[in-house]
């Protein structure tokens, strides 16, 4: 067994932060890339929270029916998905519509000013 997985904290970090964080990141990017409504950035990571609880139980010997664990993990996954969504949307707005918008940073864009 991997020594880090012997502890509940180590398994939680591997499952929630690395595995499910990656899933939430790709979910946020996919929602932004397909121009879907923003509410989906919140709903899908909440569903990923259930998967996270199951994987925590399987790999880290965590509690399956822990409401506080689900809420903490799901809030983390929603925040990761929201960040990925915003980064992707800002990049797409500036690259797909360069005559209308320009980047104002990694998370924002604005209308291009007339020269």
PDB file of N, CA and C in Angstrom:
ATOM      1  N   UNK A   1       0.846  -1.188   0.000  1.00  0.00           N
ATOM      2  CA  UNK A   1       0.000   0.000   0.000  1.00  0.00           C
ATOM      3  C   UNK A   1       0.882   1.238   0.000  1.00  0.00           C
ATOM      4  N   UNK A   2       0.472   2.259  -0.680  1.00  0.00           N
ATOM      5  CA  UNK A   2       1.201   3.524  -0.708  1.00  0.00           C
ATOM      6  C   UNK A   2       1.097   4.164   0.666  1.00  0.00           C
ATOM      7  N   UNK A   3       2.207   4.606   1.272  1.00  0.00           N
ATOM      8  CA  UNK A   3       2.154   5.153   2.630  1.00  0.00           C
ATOM      9  C   UNK A   3       1.193   6.323   2.786  1.00  0.00           C
ATOM     10  N   UNK A   4       1.064   7.158   1.782  1.00  0.00           N
ATOM     11  CA  UNK A   4       0.182   8.315   1.892  1.00  0.00           C
ATOM     12  C   UNK A   4      -1.282   7.888   1.995  1.00  0.00           C
ATOM     13  N   UNK A   5      -1.619   6.742   1.384  1.00  0.00           N
ATOM     14  CA  UNK A   5      -2.998   6.269   1.437  1.00  0.00           C
ATOM     15  C   UNK A   5      -3.341   5.606   2.764  1.00  0.00           C
ATOM     16  N   UNK A   6      -2.335   5.347   3.612  1.00  0.00           N
ATOM     17  CA  UNK A   6      -2.606   4.726   4.909  1.00  0.00           C
ATOM     18  C   UNK A   6      -3.350   5.663   5.842  1.00  0.00           C
ATOM     19  N   UNK A   7      -3.259   6.951   5.625  1.00  0.00           N
ATOM     20  CA  UNK A   7      -3.971   7.910   6.468  1.00  0.00           C
ATOM     21  C   UNK A   7      -5.223   8.385   5.753  1.00  0.00           C
ATOM     22  N   UNK A   8      -6.208   8.762   6.525  1.00  0.00           N
ATOM     23  CA  UNK A   8      -7.455   9.281   5.949  1.00  0.00           C
ATOM     24  C   UNK A   8      -7.204  10.591   5.217  1.00  0.00           C
ATOM     25  N   UNK A   9      -6.352  11.447   5.785  1.00  0.00           N
ATOM     26  CA  UNK A   9      -6.057  12.740   5.157  1.00  0.00           C
ATOM     27  C   UNK A   9      -5.340  12.564   3.829  1.00  0.00           C
ATOM     28  N   UNK A  10      -4.375  11.672   3.786  1.00  0.00           N
ATOM     29  CA  UNK A  10      -3.643  11.436   2.536  1.00  0.00           C
ATOM     30  C   UNK A  10      -4.541  10.907   1.437  1.00  0.00           C
ATOM     31  N   UNK A  11      -5.412   9.977   1.782  1.00  0.00           N
ATOM     32  CA  UNK A  11      -6.339   9.444   0.788  1.00  0.00           C
ATOM     33  C   UNK A  11      -7.330  10.485   0.320  1.00  0.00           C
ATOM     34  N   UNK A  12      -7.778  11.331   1.243  1.00  0.00           N
ATOM     35  CA  UNK A  12      -8.704  12.393   0.885  1.00  0.00           C
ATOM     36  C   UNK A  12      -8.044  13.394  -0.054  1.00  0.00           C
ATOM     37  N   UNK A  13      -6.797  13.713   0.199  1.00  0.00           N
ATOM     38  CA  UNK A  13      -6.088  14.645  -0.682  1.00  0.00           C
ATOM     39  C   UNK A  13      -5.957  14.049  -2.077  1.00  0.00           C
ATOM     40  N   UNK A  14      -5.588  12.790  -2.146  1.00  0.00           N
ATOM     41  CA  UNK A  14      -5.428  12.164  -3.464  1.00  0.00           C
ATOM     42  C   UNK A  14      -6.770  12.079  -4.187  1.00  0.00           C
ATOM     43  N   UNK A  15      -7.804  11.626  -3.498  1.00  0.00           N
ATOM     44  CA  UNK A  15      -9.103  11.437  -4.148  1.00  0.00           C
ATOM     45  C   UNK A  15      -9.761  12.780  -4.466  1.00  0.00           C
ATOM     46  N   UNK A  16      -9.895  13.650  -3.458  1.00  0.00           N
ATOM     47  CA  UNK A  16     -10.667  14.879  -3.647  1.00  0.00           C
ATOM     48  C   UNK A  16      -9.897  15.918  -4.437  1.00  0.00           C
ATOM     49  N   UNK A  17      -8.692  16.226  -4.013  1.00  0.00           N
ATOM     50  CA  UNK A  17      -7.957  17.324  -4.634  1.00  0.00           C
ATOM     51  C   UNK A  17      -7.436  16.939  -6.012  1.00  0.00           C
ATOM     52  N   UNK A  18      -6.818  15.784  -6.123  1.00  0.00           N
ATOM     53  CA  UNK A  18      -6.186  15.428  -7.401  1.00  0.00           C
ATOM     54  C   UNK A  18      -7.197  14.828  -8.384  1.00  0.00           C
ATOM     55  N   UNK A  19      -7.813  13.714  -7.995  1.00  0.00           N
ATOM     56  CA  UNK A  19      -8.693  13.018  -8.945  1.00  0.00           C
ATOM     57  C   UNK A  19      -9.968  13.803  -9.244  1.00  0.00           C
ATOM     58  N   UNK A  20     -10.710  14.147  -8.190  1.00  0.00           N
ATOM     59  CA  UNK A  20     -11.982  14.822  -8.411  1.00  0.00           C
ATOM     60  C   UNK A  20     -11.786  16.294  -8.770  1.00  0.00           C
ATOM     61  N   UNK A  21     -10.692  16.893  -8.310  1.00  0.00           N
ATOM     62  CA  UNK A  21     -10.379  18.259  -8.723  1.00  0.00           C
ATOM     63  C   UNK A  21     -10.154  18.329 -10.227  1.00  0.00           C
ATOM     64  N   UNK A  22      -9.457  17.326 -10.761  1.00  0.00           N
ATOM     65  CA  UNK A  22      -9.260  17.263 -12.210  1.00  0.00           C
ATOM     66  C   UNK A  22     -10.580  17.089 -12.933  1.00  0.00           C
ATOM     67  N   UNK A  23     -11.467  16.248 -12.392  1.00  0.00           N
ATOM     68  CA  UNK A  23     -12.784  16.042 -13.011  1.00  0.00           C
ATOM     69  C   UNK A  23     -13.600  17.334 -12.989  1.00  0.00           C
ATOM     70  N   UNK A  24     -13.543  18.058 -11.872  1.00  0.00           N
ATOM     71  CA  UNK A  24     -14.271  19.335 -11.784  1.00  0.00           C
ATOM     72  C   UNK A  24     -13.678  20.356 -12.743  1.00  0.00           C
ATOM     73  N   UNK A  25     -12.354  20.372 -12.872  1.00  0.00           N
ATOM     74  CA  UNK A  25     -11.682  21.303 -13.788  1.00  0.00           C
ATOM     75  C   UNK A  25     -12.127  21.046 -15.224  1.00  0.00           C
ATOM     76  N   UNK A  26     -12.121  19.789 -15.637  1.00  0.00           N
ATOM     77  CA  UNK A  26     -12.530  19.481 -17.010  1.00  0.00           C
ATOM     78  C   UNK A  26     -14.028  19.717 -17.214  1.00  0.00           C
ATOM     79  N   UNK A  27     -14.813  19.541 -16.167  1.00  0.00           N
ATOM     80  CA  UNK A  27     -16.246  19.840 -16.253  1.00  0.00           C
ATOM     81  C   UNK A  27     -16.470  21.323 -16.492  1.00  0.00           C
ATOM     82  N   UNK A  28     -15.793  22.169 -15.733  1.00  0.00           N
ATOM     83  CA  UNK A  28     -15.915  23.614 -15.921  1.00  0.00           C
ATOM     84  C   UNK A  28     -15.479  24.054 -17.301  1.00  0.00           C
ATOM     85  N   UNK A  29     -14.384  23.484 -17.774  1.00  0.00           N
ATOM     86  CA  UNK A  29     -13.910  23.822 -19.125  1.00  0.00           C
ATOM     87  C   UNK A  29     -14.889  23.366 -20.198  1.00  0.00           C
ATOM     88  N   UNK A  30     -15.462  22.182 -20.021  1.00  0.00           N
ATOM     89  CA  UNK A  30     -16.406  21.662 -21.014  1.00  0.00           C
ATOM     90  C   UNK A  30     -17.681  22.497 -21.069  1.00  0.00           C
ATOM     91  N   UNK A  31     -18.164  22.914 -19.917  1.00  0.00           N
ATOM     92  CA  UNK A  31     -19.375  23.739 -19.884  1.00  0.00           C
ATOM     93  C   UNK A  31     -19.120  25.077 -20.561  1.00  0.00           C
ATOM     94  N   UNK A  32     -17.960  25.679 -20.303  1.00  0.00           N
ATOM     95  CA  UNK A  32     -17.629  26.952 -20.949  1.00  0.00           C
ATOM     96  C   UNK A  32     -17.383  26.760 -22.443  1.00  0.00           C
ATOM     97  N   UNK A  33     -16.739  25.671 -22.802  1.00  0.00           N
ATOM     98  CA  UNK A  33     -16.413  25.424 -24.208  1.00  0.00           C
ATOM     99  C   UNK A  33     -17.607  25.139 -25.080  1.00  0.00           C
ATOM    100  N   UNK A  34     -18.686  24.647 -24.483  1.00  0.00           N
ATOM    101  CA  UNK A  34     -19.889  24.352 -25.257  1.00  0.00           C
ATOM    102  C   UNK A  34     -20.981  25.398 -25.059  1.00  0.00           C
ATOM    103  N   UNK A  35     -20.640  26.505 -24.401  1.00  0.00           N
ATOM    104  CA  UNK A  35     -21.531  27.645 -24.193  1.00  0.00           C
ATOM    105  C   UNK A  35     -22.817  27.257 -23.464  1.00  0.00           C
ATOM    106  N   UNK A  36     -22.734  26.342 -22.546  1.00  0.00           N
ATOM    107  CA  UNK A  36     -23.904  25.930 -21.762  1.00  0.00           C
ATOM    108  C   UNK A  36     -24.189  26.947 -20.668  1.00  0.00           C
ATOM    109  N   UNK A  37     -25.390  26.928 -20.093  1.00  0.00           N
ATOM    110  CA  UNK A  37     -25.735  27.913 -19.056  1.00  0.00           C
ATOM    111  C   UNK A  37     -24.868  27.755 -17.808  1.00  0.00           C
ATOM    112  N   UNK A  38     -24.703  28.865 -17.097  1.00  0.00           N
ATOM    113  CA  UNK A  38     -23.790  28.903 -15.965  1.00  0.00           C
ATOM    114  C   UNK A  38     -24.259  28.030 -14.802  1.00  0.00           C
ATOM    115  N   UNK A  39     -25.541  27.815 -14.637  1.00  0.00           N
ATOM    116  CA  UNK A  39     -26.024  27.023 -13.513  1.00  0.00           C
ATOM    117  C   UNK A  39     -25.480  25.610 -13.554  1.00  0.00           C
ATOM    118  N   UNK A  40     -25.103  25.120 -14.729  1.00  0.00           N
ATOM    119  CA  UNK A  40     -24.548  23.780 -14.841  1.00  0.00           C
ATOM    120  C   UNK A  40     -23.172  23.671 -14.187  1.00  0.00           C
ATOM    121  N   UNK A  41     -22.473  24.808 -14.066  1.00  0.00           N
ATOM    122  CA  UNK A  41     -21.175  24.815 -13.388  1.00  0.00           C
ATOM    123  C   UNK A  41     -21.350  24.499 -11.905  1.00  0.00           C
ATOM    124  N   UNK A  42     -22.518  24.710 -11.380  1.00  0.00           N
ATOM    125  CA  UNK A  42     -22.781  24.420  -9.969  1.00  0.00           C
ATOM    126  C   UNK A  42     -23.380  23.019  -9.808  1.00  0.00           C
ATOM    127  N   UNK A  43     -24.273  22.627 -10.689  1.00  0.00           N
ATOM    128  CA  UNK A  43     -24.980  21.356 -10.540  1.00  0.00           C
ATOM    129  C   UNK A  43     -24.053  20.160 -10.763  1.00  0.00           C
ATOM    130  N   UNK A  44     -23.279  20.161 -11.820  1.00  0.00           N
ATOM    131  CA  UNK A  44     -22.448  18.993 -12.117  1.00  0.00           C
ATOM    132  C   UNK A  44     -21.395  18.717 -11.045  1.00  0.00           C
ATOM    133  N   UNK A  45     -20.697  19.714 -10.517  1.00  0.00           N
ATOM    134  CA  UNK A  45     -19.782  19.403  -9.414  1.00  0.00           C
ATOM    135  C   UNK A  45     -20.487  18.904  -8.152  1.00  0.00           C
ATOM    136  N   UNK A  46     -21.736  19.312  -7.926  1.00  0.00           N
ATOM    137  CA  UNK A  46     -22.480  18.756  -6.799  1.00  0.00           C
ATOM    138  C   UNK A  46     -22.712  17.257  -7.003  1.00  0.00           C
ATOM    139  N   UNK A  47     -22.933  16.860  -8.238  1.00  0.00           N
ATOM    140  CA  UNK A  47     -23.059  15.429  -8.536  1.00  0.00           C
ATOM    141  C   UNK A  47     -21.713  14.724  -8.386  1.00  0.00           C
ATOM    142  N   UNK A  48     -20.647  15.406  -8.785  1.00  0.00           N
ATOM    143  CA  UNK A  48     -19.314  14.835  -8.590  1.00  0.00           C
ATOM    144  C   UNK A  48     -19.005  14.632  -7.104  1.00  0.00           C
ATOM    145  N   UNK A  49     -19.631  15.418  -6.254  1.00  0.00           N
ATOM    146  CA  UNK A  49     -19.440  15.256  -4.814  1.00  0.00           C
ATOM    147  C   UNK A  49     -19.888  13.887  -4.330  1.00  0.00           C
ATOM    148  N   UNK A  50     -20.944  13.319  -4.929  1.00  0.00           N
ATOM    149  CA  UNK A  50     -21.385  11.978  -4.569  1.00  0.00           C
ATOM    150  C   UNK A  50     -20.350  10.939  -4.987  1.00  0.00           C
ATOM    151  N   UNK A  51     -19.796  11.108  -6.171  1.00  0.00           N
ATOM    152  CA  UNK A  51     -18.747  10.207  -6.639  1.00  0.00           C
ATOM    153  C   UNK A  51     -17.537  10.310  -5.717  1.00  0.00           C
ATOM    154  N   UNK A  52     -17.219  11.516  -5.314  1.00  0.00           N
ATOM    155  CA  UNK A  52     -16.093  11.748  -4.417  1.00  0.00           C
ATOM    156  C   UNK A  52     -16.287  11.013  -3.096  1.00  0.00           C
ATOM    157  N   UNK A  53     -17.498  11.050  -2.544  1.00  0.00           N
ATOM    158  CA  UNK A  53     -17.771  10.334  -1.279  1.00  0.00           C
ATOM    159  C   UNK A  53     -17.549   8.840  -1.464  1.00  0.00           C
ATOM    160  N   UNK A  54     -17.992   8.283  -2.593  1.00  0.00           N
ATOM    161  CA  UNK A  54     -17.803   6.856  -2.852  1.00  0.00           C
ATOM    162  C   UNK A  54     -16.341   6.491  -2.999  1.00  0.00           C
ATOM    163  N   UNK A  55     -15.589   7.330  -3.711  1.00  0.00           N
ATOM    164  CA  UNK A  55     -14.163   7.055  -3.876  1.00  0.00           C
ATOM    165  C   UNK A  55     -13.403   7.235  -2.568  1.00  0.00           C
ATOM    166  N   UNK A  56     -13.808   8.206  -1.764  1.00  0.00           N
ATOM    167  CA  UNK A  56     -13.187   8.357  -0.448  1.00  0.00           C
ATOM    168  C   UNK A  56     -13.431   7.119   0.403  1.00  0.00           C
ATOM    169  N   UNK A  57     -14.612   6.562   0.310  1.00  0.00           N
ATOM    170  CA  UNK A  57     -14.912   5.341   1.061  1.00  0.00           C
ATOM    171  C   UNK A  57     -14.071   4.181   0.553  1.00  0.00           C
ATOM    172  N   UNK A  58     -13.948   4.063  -0.750  1.00  0.00           N
ATOM    173  CA  UNK A  58     -13.231   2.930  -1.335  1.00  0.00           C
ATOM    174  C   UNK A  58     -11.721   3.018  -1.128  1.00  0.00           C
ATOM    175  N   UNK A  59     -11.150   4.192  -1.314  1.00  0.00           N
ATOM    176  CA  UNK A  59      -9.691   4.309  -1.288  1.00  0.00           C
ATOM    177  C   UNK A  59      -9.130   4.821   0.028  1.00  0.00           C
ATOM    178  N   UNK A  60      -9.857   5.655   0.723  1.00  0.00           N
ATOM    179  CA  UNK A  60      -9.317   6.297   1.919  1.00  0.00           C
ATOM    180  C   UNK A  60     -10.014   5.844   3.194  1.00  0.00           C
ATOM    181  N   UNK A  61     -10.917   4.852   3.064  1.00  0.00           N
ATOM    182  CA  UNK A  61     -11.654   4.343   4.213  1.00  0.00           C
ATOM    183  C   UNK A  61     -12.404   5.461   4.943  1.00  0.00           C
ATOM    184  N   UNK A  62     -12.940   6.393   4.174  1.00  0.00           N
ATOM    185  CA  UNK A  62     -13.703   7.507   4.738  1.00  0.00           C
ATOM    186  C   UNK A  62     -15.163   7.128   4.919  1.00  0.00           C
ATOM    187  N   UNK A  63     -15.911   8.038   5.509  1.00  0.00           N
ATOM    188  CA  UNK A  63     -17.339   7.813   5.705  1.00  0.00           C
ATOM    189  C   UNK A  63     -18.091   8.066   4.412  1.00  0.00           C
ATOM    190  N   UNK A  64     -18.964   7.145   4.069  1.00  0.00           N
ATOM    191  CA  UNK A  64     -19.752   7.301   2.847  1.00  0.00           C
ATOM    192  C   UNK A  64     -20.871   8.314   3.042  1.00  0.00           C
ATOM    193  N   UNK A  65     -21.569   8.262   4.156  1.00  0.00           N
ATOM    194  CA  UNK A  65     -22.725   9.124   4.386  1.00  0.00           C
ATOM    195  C   UNK A  65     -22.383  10.266   5.330  1.00  0.00           C
ATOM    196  N   UNK A  66     -21.334  10.996   5.018  1.00  0.00           N
ATOM    197  CA  UNK A  66     -20.929  12.147   5.826  1.00  0.00           C
ATOM    198  C   UNK A  66     -21.415  13.419   5.143  1.00  0.00           C
ATOM    199  N   UNK A  67     -22.403  14.076   5.755  1.00  0.00           N
ATOM    200  CA  UNK A  67     -22.940  15.309   5.173  1.00  0.00           C
ATOM    201  C   UNK A  67     -21.884  16.407   5.156  1.00  0.00           C
ATOM    202  N   UNK A  68     -21.147  16.549   6.251  1.00  0.00           N
ATOM    203  CA  UNK A  68     -20.116  17.590   6.283  1.00  0.00           C
ATOM    204  C   UNK A  68     -19.017  17.297   5.268  1.00  0.00           C
ATOM    205  N   UNK A  69     -18.645  16.035   5.123  1.00  0.00           N
ATOM    206  CA  UNK A  69     -17.644  15.675   4.114  1.00  0.00           C
ATOM    207  C   UNK A  69     -18.126  15.972   2.711  1.00  0.00           C
ATOM    208  N   UNK A  70     -19.401  15.642   2.440  1.00  0.00           N
ATOM    209  CA  UNK A  70     -19.973  15.926   1.126  1.00  0.00           C
ATOM    210  C   UNK A  70     -19.996  17.425   0.850  1.00  0.00           C
ATOM    211  N   UNK A  71     -20.432  18.210   1.829  1.00  0.00           N
ATOM    212  CA  UNK A  71     -20.526  19.661   1.625  1.00  0.00           C
ATOM    213  C   UNK A  71     -19.158  20.295   1.414  1.00  0.00           C
ATOM    214  N   UNK A  72     -18.186  19.916   2.206  1.00  0.00           N
ATOM    215  CA  UNK A  72     -16.838  20.485   2.062  1.00  0.00           C
ATOM    216  C   UNK A  72     -16.243  20.108   0.716  1.00  0.00           C
ATOM    217  N   UNK A  73     -16.326  18.820   0.373  1.00  0.00           N
ATOM    218  CA  UNK A  73     -15.777  18.368  -0.906  1.00  0.00           C
ATOM    219  C   UNK A  73     -16.506  18.997  -2.085  1.00  0.00           C
ATOM    220  N   UNK A  74     -17.831  19.101  -1.990  1.00  0.00           N
ATOM    221  CA  UNK A  74     -18.609  19.663  -3.095  1.00  0.00           C
ATOM    222  C   UNK A  74     -18.347  21.154  -3.279  1.00  0.00           C
ATOM    223  N   UNK A  75     -18.184  21.885  -2.190  1.00  0.00           N
ATOM    224  CA  UNK A  75     -17.848  23.313  -2.300  1.00  0.00           C
ATOM    225  C   UNK A  75     -16.501  23.463  -2.991  1.00  0.00           C
ATOM    226  N   UNK A  76     -15.533  22.640  -2.616  1.00  0.00           N
ATOM    227  CA  UNK A  76     -14.225  22.673  -3.282  1.00  0.00           C
ATOM    228  C   UNK A  76     -14.373  22.384  -4.772  1.00  0.00           C
ATOM    229  N   UNK A  77     -15.145  21.366  -5.125  1.00  0.00           N
ATOM    230  CA  UNK A  77     -15.307  20.997  -6.536  1.00  0.00           C
ATOM    231  C   UNK A  77     -16.040  22.082  -7.323  1.00  0.00           C
ATOM    232  N   UNK A  78     -17.025  22.720  -6.715  1.00  0.00           N
ATOM    233  CA  UNK A  78     -17.738  23.815  -7.381  1.00  0.00           C
ATOM    234  C   UNK A  78     -16.787  24.983  -7.629  1.00  0.00           C
ATOM    235  N   UNK A  79     -15.944  25.313  -6.640  1.00  0.00           N
ATOM    236  CA  UNK A  79     -14.992  26.418  -6.818  1.00  0.00           C
ATOM    237  C   UNK A  79     -13.988  26.120  -7.919  1.00  0.00           C
ATOM    238  N   UNK A  80     -13.508  24.892  -7.982  1.00  0.00           N
ATOM    239  CA  UNK A  80     -12.572  24.511  -9.050  1.00  0.00           C
ATOM    240  C   UNK A  80     -13.256  24.620 -10.413  1.00  0.00           C
ATOM    241  N   UNK A  81     -14.485  24.130 -10.516  1.00  0.00           N
ATOM    242  CA  UNK A  81     -15.213  24.195 -11.788  1.00  0.00           C
ATOM    243  C   UNK A  81     -15.500  25.638 -12.190  1.00  0.00           C
ATOM    244  N   UNK A  82     -15.835  26.488 -11.210  1.00  0.00           N
ATOM    245  CA  UNK A  82     -16.100  27.893 -11.522  1.00  0.00           C
ATOM    246  C   UNK A  82     -14.838  28.597 -12.025  1.00  0.00           C
ATOM    247  N   UNK A  83     -13.701  28.308 -11.420  1.00  0.00           N
ATOM    248  CA  UNK A  83     -12.441  28.902 -11.867  1.00  0.00           C
ATOM    249  C   UNK A  83     -12.105  28.451 -13.284  1.00  0.00           C
ATOM    250  N   UNK A  84     -12.228  27.159 -13.551  1.00  0.00           N
ATOM    251  CA  UNK A  84     -11.950  26.644 -14.892  1.00  0.00           C
ATOM    252  C   UNK A  84     -12.911  27.228 -15.915  1.00  0.00           C
ATOM    253  N   UNK A  85     -14.172  27.368 -15.539  1.00  0.00           N
ATOM    254  CA  UNK A  85     -15.171  27.940 -16.445  1.00  0.00           C
ATOM    255  C   UNK A  85     -14.814  29.376 -16.792  1.00  0.00           C
ATOM    256  N   UNK A  86     -14.478  30.163 -15.787  1.00  0.00           N
ATOM    257  CA  UNK A  86     -14.177  31.581 -16.018  1.00  0.00           C
ATOM    258  C   UNK A  86     -12.907  31.765 -16.853  1.00  0.00           C
ATOM    259  N   UNK A  87     -11.872  30.980 -16.575  1.00  0.00           N
ATOM    260  CA  UNK A  87     -10.646  31.055 -17.372  1.00  0.00           C
ATOM    261  C   UNK A  87     -10.919  30.700 -18.832  1.00  0.00           C
ATOM    262  N   UNK A  88     -11.667  29.648 -19.034  1.00  0.00           N
ATOM    263  CA  UNK A  88     -11.975  29.211 -20.400  1.00  0.00           C
ATOM    264  C   UNK A  88     -12.866  30.211 -21.119  1.00  0.00           C
ATOM    265  N   UNK A  89     -13.870  30.734 -20.437  1.00  0.00           N
ATOM    266  CA  UNK A  89     -14.785  31.689 -21.070  1.00  0.00           C
ATOM    267  C   UNK A  89     -14.055  32.973 -21.444  1.00  0.00           C
ATOM    268  N   UNK A  90     -13.175  33.474 -20.562  1.00  0.00           N
ATOM    269  CA  UNK A  90     -12.426  34.694 -20.863  1.00  0.00           C
ATOM    270  C   UNK A  90     -11.514  34.488 -22.066  1.00  0.00           C
ATOM    271  N   UNK A  91     -10.846  33.341 -22.116  1.00  0.00           N
ATOM    272  CA  UNK A  91      -9.965  33.057 -23.251  1.00  0.00           C
ATOM    273  C   UNK A  91     -10.772  32.943 -24.546  1.00  0.00           C
ATOM    274  N   UNK A  92     -11.906  32.267 -24.484  1.00  0.00           N
ATOM    275  CA  UNK A  92     -12.708  32.080 -25.692  1.00  0.00           C
ATOM    276  C   UNK A  92     -13.328  33.377 -26.186  1.00  0.00           C
ATOM    277  N   UNK A  93     -13.774  34.225 -25.283  1.00  0.00           N
ATOM    278  CA  UNK A  93     -14.374  35.491 -25.703  1.00  0.00           C
ATOM    279  C   UNK A  93     -13.342  36.345 -26.444  1.00  0.00           C
ATOM    280  N   UNK A  94     -12.114  36.360 -25.934  1.00  0.00           N
ATOM    281  CA  UNK A  94     -11.086  37.196 -26.555  1.00  0.00           C
ATOM    282  C   UNK A  94     -10.536  36.588 -27.841  1.00  0.00           C
ATOM    283  N   UNK A  95     -10.476  35.273 -27.944  1.00  0.00           N
ATOM    284  CA  UNK A  95      -9.924  34.654 -29.150  1.00  0.00           C
ATOM    285  C   UNK A  95     -10.977  34.435 -30.226  1.00  0.00           C
ATOM    286  N   UNK A  96     -12.217  34.155 -29.832  1.00  0.00           N
ATOM    287  CA  UNK A  96     -13.256  33.907 -30.827  1.00  0.00           C
ATOM    288  C   UNK A  96     -13.851  35.198 -31.374  1.00  0.00           C
ATOM    289  N   UNK A  97     -13.850  36.250 -30.559  1.00  0.00           N
ATOM    290  CA  UNK A  97     -14.398  37.528 -30.986  1.00  0.00           C
ATOM    291  C   UNK A  97     -13.375  38.643 -30.772  1.00  0.00           C
ATOM    292  N   UNK A  98     -12.231  38.585 -31.434  1.00  0.00           N
ATOM    293  CA  UNK A  98     -11.177  39.571 -31.171  1.00  0.00           C
ATOM    294  C   UNK A  98     -11.536  40.984 -31.626  1.00  0.00           C
ATOM    295  N   UNK A  99     -12.470  41.132 -32.547  1.00  0.00           N
ATOM    296  CA  UNK A  99     -12.868  42.464 -33.006  1.00  0.00           C
ATOM    297  C   UNK A  99     -13.840  43.137 -32.022  1.00  0.00           C
ATOM    298  N   UNK A 100     -14.403  42.362 -31.090  1.00  0.00           N
ATOM    299  CA  UNK A 100     -15.347  42.910 -30.118  1.00  0.00           C
ATOM    300  C   UNK A 100     -14.732  43.015 -28.721  1.00  0.00           C
ATOM    301  N   UNK A 101     -13.995  41.955 -28.304  1.00  0.00           N
ATOM    302  CA  UNK A 101     -13.519  41.875 -26.924  1.00  0.00           C
ATOM    303  C   UNK A 101     -12.006  41.768 -26.853  1.00  0.00           C
ATOM    304  N   UNK A 102     -11.469  42.221 -25.715  1.00  0.00           N
ATOM    305  CA  UNK A 102     -10.052  42.051 -25.416  1.00  0.00           C
ATOM    306  C   UNK A 102      -9.925  41.568 -23.976  1.00  0.00           C
ATOM    307  N   UNK A 103      -8.833  40.861 -23.700  1.00  0.00           N
ATOM    308  CA  UNK A 103      -8.613  40.329 -22.355  1.00  0.00           C
ATOM    309  C   UNK A 103      -8.227  41.452 -21.408  1.00  0.00           C
ATOM    310  N   UNK A 104      -8.702  41.355 -20.175  1.00  0.00           N
ATOM    311  CA  UNK A 104      -8.297  42.301 -19.129  1.00  0.00           C
ATOM    312  C   UNK A 104      -7.532  41.581 -18.031  1.00  0.00           C
ATOM    313  N   UNK A 105      -7.253  40.350 -18.228  1.00  0.00           N
ATOM    314  CA  UNK A 105      -6.544  39.521 -17.256  1.00  0.00           C
ATOM    315  C   UNK A 105      -6.941  38.082 -17.488  1.00  0.00           C
ATOM    316  N   UNK A 106      -6.489  37.194 -16.647  1.00  0.00           N
ATOM    317  CA  UNK A 106      -6.815  35.790 -16.869  1.00  0.00           C
ATOM    318  C   UNK A 106      -8.297  35.458 -16.676  1.00  0.00           C
ATOM    319  N   UNK A 107      -9.016  36.262 -15.905  1.00  0.00           N
ATOM    320  CA  UNK A 107     -10.411  35.958 -15.627  1.00  0.00           C
ATOM    321  C   UNK A 107     -11.409  36.923 -16.259  1.00  0.00           C
ATOM    322  N   UNK A 108     -10.953  37.896 -17.010  1.00  0.00           N
ATOM    323  CA  UNK A 108     -11.895  38.889 -17.499  1.00  0.00           C
ATOM    324  C   UNK A 108     -11.657  39.312 -18.938  1.00  0.00           C
ATOM    325  N   UNK A 109     -12.647  40.000 -19.472  1.00  0.00           N
ATOM    326  CA  UNK A 109     -12.585  40.584 -20.797  1.00  0.00           C
ATOM    327  C   UNK A 109     -13.465  41.829 -20.793  1.00  0.00           C
ATOM    328  N   UNK A 110     -13.270  42.665 -21.802  1.00  0.00           N
ATOM    329  CA  UNK A 110     -14.097  43.869 -21.938  1.00  0.00           C
ATOM    330  C   UNK A 110     -14.258  44.173 -23.417  1.00  0.00           C
ATOM    331  N   UNK A 111     -15.202  45.080 -23.684  1.00  0.00           N
ATOM    332  CA  UNK A 111     -15.392  45.480 -25.078  1.00  0.00           C
ATOM    333  C   UNK A 111     -14.172  46.247 -25.540  1.00  0.00           C
ATOM    334  N   UNK A 112     -13.795  45.973 -26.767  1.00  0.00           N
ATOM    335  CA  UNK A 112     -12.633  46.636 -27.345  1.00  0.00           C
ATOM    336  C   UNK A 112     -12.981  48.115 -27.581  1.00  0.00           C
ATOM    337  N   UNK A 113     -12.089  48.957 -27.215  1.00  0.00           N
ATOM    338  CA  UNK A 113     -12.309  50.413 -27.387  1.00  0.00           C
ATOM    339  C   UNK A 113     -11.989  50.803 -28.824  1.00  0.00           C
ATOM    340  N   UNK A 114     -12.779  51.720 -29.348  1.00  0.00           N
ATOM    341  CA  UNK A 114     -12.530  52.226 -30.700  1.00  0.00           C
ATOM    342  C   UNK A 114     -11.283  53.085 -30.694  1.00  0.00           C
ATOM    343  N   UNK A 115     -10.424  52.855 -31.671  1.00  0.00           N
ATOM    344  CA  UNK A 115      -9.162  53.626 -31.757  1.00  0.00           C
ATOM    345  C   UNK A 115      -9.335  54.855 -32.596  1.00  0.00           C
TER     346      UNK A 115
END
